[in-house]
Amino acid sequence: MEHIVTVQDAVTAFADFMEPTNAELDAIEREMPVILADVDLLDAHITTLDRTPTELDNRRIRRARRRALAARVALLNHTTAAILPGGAA
């Protein structure tokens, strides 16, 4: 039987000082509405995996898909507005 302790030590050896930077945390914060909208969309799809979707399920999926798309567009517009000064998007 081989022990993988040395591999585990190598994997976790840098964990103490490898924290996300402020820029990475800011990027996650900006993308959080997109992440949450995608989670809602996945939730809507998961509920219909083991059964035939009802009309209510289909509406929930459509709403979640629209919210996910709107969140992506808002993120893209925000990013574009930050890159192009003067609001020329």
Protein backbone atom coordinates (compact mmCIF):
# COMPACT_ATOMS: atom_id res chain seq x y z
CA MET A 1 0.00 0.00 0.00
CA GLU A 2 1.42 3.37 -0.99
CA HIS A 3 0.79 6.46 1.04
CA ILE A 4 0.21 9.73 -0.77
CA VAL A 5 1.20 11.96 2.13
CA THR A 6 4.03 13.55 0.17
CA VAL A 7 1.65 14.42 -2.66
CA GLN A 8 -0.81 15.93 -0.21
CA ASP A 9 1.98 17.96 1.42
CA ALA A 10 3.05 19.23 -1.98
CA VAL A 11 -0.50 20.23 -2.87
CA THR A 12 -1.23 22.04 0.38
CA ALA A 13 2.25 23.42 1.02
CA PHE A 14 1.45 26.80 -0.53
CA ALA A 15 -2.07 27.18 0.84
CA ASP A 16 -1.12 29.49 3.73
CA PHE A 17 0.02 32.38 1.58
CA MET A 18 -1.98 31.82 -1.61
CA GLU A 19 -4.96 34.01 -0.80
CA PRO A 20 -6.87 35.82 -3.54
CA THR A 21 -5.73 39.35 -4.22
CA ASN A 22 -7.99 42.37 -3.84
CA ALA A 23 -8.30 42.60 -7.62
CA GLU A 24 -9.44 38.97 -7.82
CA LEU A 25 -11.97 39.51 -5.04
CA ASP A 26 -13.28 42.62 -6.83
CA ALA A 27 -13.64 40.63 -10.07
CA ILE A 28 -15.60 37.93 -8.24
CA GLU A 29 -17.81 40.60 -6.68
CA ARG A 30 -18.51 42.13 -10.12
CA GLU A 31 -19.37 38.71 -11.56
CA MET A 32 -21.54 37.62 -8.62
CA PRO A 33 -24.90 38.58 -10.26
CA VAL A 34 -23.97 36.41 -13.27
CA ILE A 35 -22.94 33.54 -11.01
CA LEU A 36 -26.16 33.71 -9.01
CA ALA A 37 -28.29 33.92 -12.16
CA ASP A 38 -26.51 30.85 -13.55
CA VAL A 39 -27.14 28.99 -10.30
CA ASP A 40 -30.86 29.84 -10.56
CA LEU A 41 -30.91 28.58 -14.15
CA LEU A 42 -29.20 25.34 -13.15
CA ASP A 43 -31.65 24.99 -10.28
CA ALA A 44 -34.56 25.32 -12.69
CA HIS A 45 -33.08 22.68 -14.98
CA ILE A 46 -32.26 20.30 -12.12
CA THR A 47 -35.85 20.31 -10.88
CA THR A 48 -37.00 18.92 -14.22
CA LEU A 49 -34.41 16.16 -14.60
CA ASP A 50 -36.50 13.34 -13.19
CA ARG A 51 -39.89 14.32 -14.55
CA THR A 52 -41.59 15.85 -17.52
CA PRO A 53 -41.49 19.65 -17.21
CA THR A 54 -44.82 21.30 -16.55
CA GLU A 55 -45.83 24.68 -17.94
CA LEU A 56 -44.78 26.23 -14.62
CA ASP A 57 -41.36 24.57 -14.93
CA ASN A 58 -40.99 25.87 -18.48
CA ARG A 59 -41.82 29.40 -17.32
CA ARG A 60 -39.34 29.14 -14.48
CA ILE A 61 -36.61 28.03 -16.91
CA ARG A 62 -37.43 30.83 -19.35
CA ARG A 63 -37.36 33.44 -16.56
CA ALA A 64 -34.07 32.10 -15.24
CA ARG A 65 -32.58 32.07 -18.74
CA ARG A 66 -33.66 35.70 -19.28
CA ARG A 67 -32.19 36.74 -15.91
CA ALA A 68 -28.90 34.98 -16.70
CA LEU A 69 -28.72 36.68 -20.08
CA ALA A 70 -29.59 40.07 -18.59
CA ALA A 71 -26.91 39.64 -15.91
CA ARG A 72 -24.32 38.80 -18.57
CA VAL A 73 -25.33 41.81 -20.67
CA ALA A 74 -25.16 44.08 -17.61
CA LEU A 75 -21.69 42.77 -16.76
CA LEU A 76 -20.54 43.24 -20.34
CA ASN A 77 -21.95 46.78 -20.49
CA HIS A 78 -20.32 47.62 -17.15
CA THR A 79 -16.98 46.25 -18.34
CA THR A 80 -17.25 48.10 -21.65
CA ALA A 81 -18.18 51.34 -19.91
CA ALA A 82 -15.13 50.98 -17.65
CA ILE A 83 -12.85 50.45 -20.66
CA LEU A 84 -14.33 53.18 -22.86
CA PRO A 85 -14.38 56.52 -21.05
CA GLY A 86 -17.20 58.93 -21.72
CA GLY A 87 -19.88 56.24 -21.90
CA ALA A 88 -19.18 55.46 -25.56
CA ALA A 89 -20.30 51.84 -25.44
